[in-house]
Protein backbone atom coordinates (compact mmCIF):
# COMPACT_ATOMS: atom_id res chain seq x y z
CA UNK A 1 76.18 111.47 95.18
CA UNK A 2 76.04 108.87 92.44
CA UNK A 3 78.04 105.66 93.03
CA UNK A 4 80.29 106.34 90.04
CA UNK A 5 81.11 109.80 91.45
CA UNK A 6 82.15 108.53 94.89
CA UNK A 7 85.76 109.10 95.86
CA UNK A 8 87.27 106.15 97.64
CA UNK A 9 89.73 106.72 100.46
CA UNK A 10 91.86 104.34 102.49
CA UNK A 11 92.38 104.57 106.22
CA UNK A 12 95.61 103.02 107.39
CA UNK A 13 95.99 102.27 111.10
CA UNK A 14 99.49 101.83 112.54
CA UNK A 15 99.86 100.80 116.15
CA UNK A 16 102.43 99.82 118.72
CA UNK A 17 100.75 98.42 121.82
CA UNK A 18 102.39 97.00 124.94
CA UNK A 19 102.17 93.19 125.30
CA UNK A 20 104.29 92.58 128.40
CA UNK A 21 101.49 91.33 130.64
CA UNK A 22 98.51 89.07 130.06
CA UNK A 23 96.14 92.04 130.37
CA UNK A 24 98.15 94.05 127.81
CA UNK A 25 98.16 91.12 125.36
CA UNK A 26 94.39 90.76 125.77
CA UNK A 27 93.89 94.49 125.15
CA UNK A 28 96.08 94.41 122.02
CA UNK A 29 94.22 91.35 120.72
CA UNK A 30 90.86 93.04 121.30
CA UNK A 31 92.02 96.07 119.32
CA UNK A 32 93.24 93.90 116.42
CA UNK A 33 89.98 91.94 116.46
CA UNK A 34 88.00 95.19 116.42
CA UNK A 35 89.92 96.31 113.32
CA UNK A 36 89.34 92.99 111.54
CA UNK A 37 85.64 92.99 112.43
CA UNK A 38 85.30 96.57 111.20
CA UNK A 39 86.55 95.59 107.74
CA UNK A 40 90.24 96.37 107.96
CA UNK A 41 92.75 94.23 106.07
CA UNK A 42 95.97 93.30 107.82
CA UNK A 43 98.91 94.54 105.75
CA UNK A 44 101.46 93.73 108.44
CA UNK A 45 101.05 92.65 112.04
CA UNK A 46 100.51 96.21 113.33
CA UNK A 47 99.38 97.85 110.09
CA UNK A 48 95.77 97.61 108.96
CA UNK A 49 93.97 99.32 106.06
CA UNK A 50 90.34 99.83 105.14
CA UNK A 51 88.65 101.34 102.12
CA UNK A 52 86.03 104.01 102.80
CA UNK A 53 83.57 105.73 100.53
CA UNK A 54 84.01 109.52 100.57
CA UNK A 55 84.85 111.68 103.56
CA UNK A 56 81.71 110.59 105.42
CA UNK A 57 82.95 107.00 105.49
CA UNK A 58 86.37 108.13 106.68
CA UNK A 59 84.81 110.17 109.48
CA UNK A 60 82.60 107.25 110.54
CA UNK A 61 85.44 104.74 110.74
CA UNK A 62 87.81 107.23 112.34
CA UNK A 63 85.31 107.77 115.14
CA UNK A 64 84.95 103.99 115.55
CA UNK A 65 88.70 103.61 115.98
CA UNK A 66 88.75 106.46 118.50
CA UNK A 67 85.97 104.77 120.47
CA UNK A 68 87.98 101.52 120.64
CA UNK A 69 91.43 102.91 121.44
CA UNK A 70 93.44 101.01 124.05
CA UNK A 71 94.43 103.04 127.11
CA UNK A 72 98.17 102.46 126.52
CA UNK A 73 100.36 102.40 123.46
CA UNK A 74 100.53 104.37 120.23
CA UNK A 75 97.97 104.38 117.42
CA UNK A 76 98.29 106.45 114.25
CA UNK A 77 95.91 106.80 111.31
CA UNK A 78 96.82 107.89 107.80
CA UNK A 79 94.22 108.77 105.18
CA UNK A 80 95.20 108.28 101.53
CA UNK A 81 93.31 108.30 98.25
CA UNK A 82 92.64 105.11 96.35
CA UNK A 83 95.12 106.22 93.69
CA UNK A 84 97.84 106.76 96.30
CA UNK A 85 97.10 103.37 97.92
CA UNK A 86 97.36 101.65 94.53
CA UNK A 87 100.91 102.99 94.17
CA UNK A 88 102.09 101.05 97.23
CA UNK A 89 104.95 98.68 96.46
CA UNK A 90 105.75 95.41 98.22
CA UNK A 91 109.53 95.28 98.48
CA UNK A 92 110.16 92.09 100.42
CA UNK A 93 108.22 88.84 100.44
CA UNK A 94 105.25 87.80 98.37
CA UNK A 95 101.77 89.27 98.10
CA UNK A 96 99.05 87.27 99.78
CA UNK A 97 95.82 86.51 97.95
CA UNK A 98 93.97 89.00 100.17
CA UNK A 99 96.43 91.74 99.20
CA UNK A 100 95.84 91.15 95.50
CA UNK A 101 92.08 91.29 96.02
CA UNK A 102 92.12 94.46 98.13
CA UNK A 103 91.63 96.93 95.27
CA UNK A 104 89.06 94.69 93.56
CA UNK A 105 86.75 95.27 96.53
CA UNK A 106 86.04 98.72 95.17
CA UNK A 107 83.95 97.13 92.44
CA UNK A 108 81.72 95.52 95.07
CA UNK A 109 80.89 98.79 96.84
């Protein structure tokens, strides 16, 4: 597939992990750090998003998340197209610089 023909997809990870004990906090922190190290952008504290190239990229990163799942809590993943992601609206607060640059990363791939 030629680079200009690639379809970009976004994986959004939503999670609610227990943080009542020190061990649970450590586990939740490890999961967040895994997401950041795997190229996810933090949209909100428990919402991360990552751009992927085509379905193969989605499958690869989905399997990475599955391999790093915490034993407790709830983790959900939503796959959306780049066009759908671009339609997201920020209703409260201000956009951070990293949020404004998120769609520009597609040019770098």
